[in-house]
């Protein structure tokens, strides 16, 4: 399983003196990008294919407070992937030094063509790199319908 260690800094703390929600999001983003860069998704490769990741949602679940003073680890696992790699879902878990699970996040994202501003399939060479990530026990193949299940607006709104 891919993990990244972080020192909880004073500027990561909120008014309640524990880790701020925005810090969780930043730690997860840093973990994802570190994995991607280490596995063939570097700046040059992303520019070559003119793509970038776009997050659809992040669902956080908090179990225990995180305080400054001791490092934490953030894991990354692949929860889902569409057949063409256009859509992907990651799970992050936050652990203290004793291995206790402090928080969990499930997120879904896709790849966007940076010129056309439309979602696109992941090039095969990059898709192969992504499929090597450790998978969750409930790994699944993502469909377009899966990407809409949390964001459907009621029809009467006319949007």
Protein backbone atom coordinates (compact mmCIF):
# COMPACT_ATOMS: atom_id res chain seq x y z
CA UNK A 1 0.00 0.00 0.00
CA UNK A 2 1.31 3.44 -0.91
CA UNK A 3 1.73 5.77 2.10
CA UNK A 4 3.09 9.25 2.71
CA UNK A 5 4.14 10.59 6.12
CA UNK A 6 3.33 14.13 7.27
CA UNK A 7 4.37 16.26 10.20
CA UNK A 8 1.32 18.05 11.58
CA UNK A 9 2.34 21.73 11.55
CA UNK A 10 0.90 24.58 13.57
CA UNK A 11 -0.65 26.13 10.45
CA UNK A 12 -2.55 22.86 9.81
CA UNK A 13 -4.49 23.33 13.05
CA UNK A 14 -7.93 24.98 13.32
CA UNK A 15 -9.61 26.98 16.09
CA UNK A 16 -10.34 23.73 18.00
CA UNK A 17 -6.59 23.01 18.10
CA UNK A 18 -6.84 19.85 16.01
CA UNK A 19 -6.12 19.11 12.35
CA UNK A 20 -8.24 21.36 10.12
CA UNK A 21 -10.43 19.91 7.38
CA UNK A 22 -8.45 21.80 4.76
CA UNK A 23 -5.24 20.12 5.98
CA UNK A 24 -6.78 16.66 5.47
CA UNK A 25 -7.63 17.66 1.89
CA UNK A 26 -4.10 19.02 1.32
CA UNK A 27 -2.45 15.88 2.73
CA UNK A 28 -4.57 13.66 0.49
CA UNK A 29 -3.86 15.74 -2.59
CA UNK A 30 -0.13 15.65 -1.85
CA UNK A 31 -0.26 11.86 -1.38
CA UNK A 32 -2.10 11.36 -4.69
CA UNK A 33 0.25 13.60 -6.64
CA UNK A 34 3.31 11.97 -5.08
CA UNK A 35 2.09 8.54 -6.19
CA UNK A 36 1.24 9.78 -9.68
CA UNK A 37 4.59 11.54 -10.15
CA UNK A 38 6.47 8.47 -8.92
CA UNK A 39 4.54 6.27 -11.36
CA UNK A 40 4.92 7.98 -14.71
CA UNK A 41 2.47 10.89 -14.40
CA UNK A 42 5.14 13.60 -14.15
CA UNK A 43 4.68 17.15 -15.36
CA UNK A 44 6.21 16.41 -18.79
CA UNK A 45 4.02 13.34 -19.34
CA UNK A 46 0.86 15.22 -18.33
CA UNK A 47 1.79 18.07 -20.69
CA UNK A 48 2.59 15.60 -23.49
CA UNK A 49 -0.93 14.15 -23.23
CA UNK A 50 -2.49 17.54 -22.35
CA UNK A 51 -4.41 16.08 -19.39
CA UNK A 52 -5.06 16.85 -15.77
CA UNK A 53 -7.05 15.22 -12.97
CA UNK A 54 -10.35 16.77 -11.91
CA UNK A 55 -11.98 15.81 -8.59
CA UNK A 56 -15.75 15.14 -8.58
CA UNK A 57 -16.17 14.61 -4.83
CA UNK A 58 -14.36 13.79 -1.61
CA UNK A 59 -16.31 12.17 1.24
CA UNK A 60 -14.53 12.45 4.60
CA UNK A 61 -15.16 10.30 7.66
CA UNK A 62 -13.46 11.39 10.88
CA UNK A 63 -12.80 8.85 13.67
CA UNK A 64 -10.29 10.46 16.05
CA UNK A 65 -8.85 13.93 16.45
CA UNK A 66 -5.36 14.63 15.12
CA UNK A 67 -3.15 16.96 17.14
CA UNK A 68 0.24 18.51 16.37
CA UNK A 69 3.40 16.92 17.65
CA UNK A 70 3.39 13.46 16.10
CA UNK A 71 3.55 12.49 12.44
CA UNK A 72 0.67 10.79 10.65
CA UNK A 73 0.58 8.58 7.57
CA UNK A 74 -1.83 8.90 4.68
CA UNK A 75 -2.47 5.85 2.53
CA UNK A 76 -3.66 5.60 -1.05
CA UNK A 77 -5.58 2.72 -2.62
CA UNK A 78 -7.48 2.32 -5.86
CA UNK A 79 -11.19 1.75 -5.14
CA UNK A 80 -12.47 1.93 -8.71
CA UNK A 81 -11.46 2.50 -12.30
CA UNK A 82 -13.40 2.71 -15.54
CA UNK A 83 -12.33 0.40 -18.34
CA UNK A 84 -10.78 3.27 -20.32
CA UNK A 85 -9.32 4.97 -17.22
CA UNK A 86 -11.42 8.12 -17.68
CA UNK A 87 -12.84 7.76 -14.16
CA UNK A 88 -11.04 6.64 -11.03
CA UNK A 89 -11.76 6.42 -7.33
CA UNK A 90 -9.22 6.46 -4.50
CA UNK A 91 -9.48 5.72 -0.81
CA UNK A 92 -7.24 7.49 1.69
CA UNK A 93 -6.81 6.39 5.29
CA UNK A 94 -5.07 8.45 7.98
CA UNK A 95 -3.05 6.57 10.61
CA UNK A 96 -1.19 7.59 13.75
CA UNK A 97 2.18 6.08 14.71
CA UNK A 98 0.48 3.18 16.48
CA UNK A 99 -1.42 2.30 13.30
CA UNK A 100 -4.82 3.52 14.53
CA UNK A 101 -7.16 4.66 11.76
CA UNK A 102 -7.91 8.34 12.41
CA UNK A 103 -9.93 9.23 9.29
CA UNK A 104 -10.95 7.91 5.89
CA UNK A 105 -11.82 9.57 2.61
CA UNK A 106 -13.35 8.19 -0.56
CA UNK A 107 -12.92 10.35 -3.62
CA UNK A 108 -13.80 10.11 -7.29
CA UNK A 109 -12.16 11.93 -10.14
CA UNK A 110 -11.60 11.88 -13.87
CA UNK A 111 -9.14 13.03 -16.49
CA UNK A 112 -9.79 16.20 -18.45
CA UNK A 113 -8.36 17.30 -21.79
CA UNK A 114 -6.91 20.71 -20.91
CA UNK A 115 -7.64 22.21 -24.34
CA UNK A 116 -11.11 20.83 -25.05
CA UNK A 117 -12.09 21.06 -21.33
CA UNK A 118 -13.85 17.71 -21.63
CA UNK A 119 -13.36 14.40 -19.89
CA UNK A 120 -11.23 11.91 -21.78
CA UNK A 121 -9.85 8.38 -21.55
CA UNK A 122 -6.46 7.88 -19.99
CA UNK A 123 -3.69 6.99 -22.49
CA UNK A 124 -2.82 3.28 -22.30
CA UNK A 125 0.73 3.84 -21.00
CA UNK A 126 -0.64 5.84 -18.05
CA UNK A 127 -3.57 3.49 -17.50
CA UNK A 128 -1.08 0.65 -17.02
CA UNK A 129 0.74 2.72 -14.37
CA UNK A 130 -2.47 3.45 -12.48
CA UNK A 131 -3.68 -0.16 -12.43
CA UNK A 132 -0.55 -1.11 -10.47
CA UNK A 133 -1.79 0.74 -7.39
CA UNK A 134 -2.92 -1.44 -4.46
CA UNK A 135 -6.68 -2.04 -4.76
CA UNK A 136 -9.30 -2.02 -2.01
CA UNK A 137 -11.19 -5.23 -1.23
CA UNK A 138 -14.33 -3.68 -2.73
CA UNK A 139 -12.64 -2.53 -5.96
CA UNK A 140 -15.09 -2.10 -8.85
CA UNK A 141 -15.29 -1.03 -12.50
CA UNK A 142 -16.66 2.53 -12.63
CA UNK A 143 -19.41 3.40 -15.10
CA UNK A 144 -20.60 6.86 -16.14
CA UNK A 145 -23.72 6.32 -13.98
CA UNK A 146 -21.48 5.81 -10.92
CA UNK A 147 -20.09 9.32 -11.42
CA UNK A 148 -23.57 10.85 -11.19
CA UNK A 149 -25.05 9.06 -8.17
CA UNK A 150 -24.05 11.73 -5.65
CA UNK A 151 -24.75 14.77 -7.78
CA UNK A 152 -28.16 14.31 -9.37
CA UNK A 153 -30.34 17.36 -9.07
CA UNK A 154 -34.10 16.99 -8.85
CA UNK A 155 -35.73 17.28 -12.29
CA UNK A 156 -38.11 20.01 -11.10
CA UNK A 157 -35.16 22.41 -10.77
CA UNK A 158 -34.78 22.37 -14.55
CA UNK A 159 -30.99 22.41 -14.42
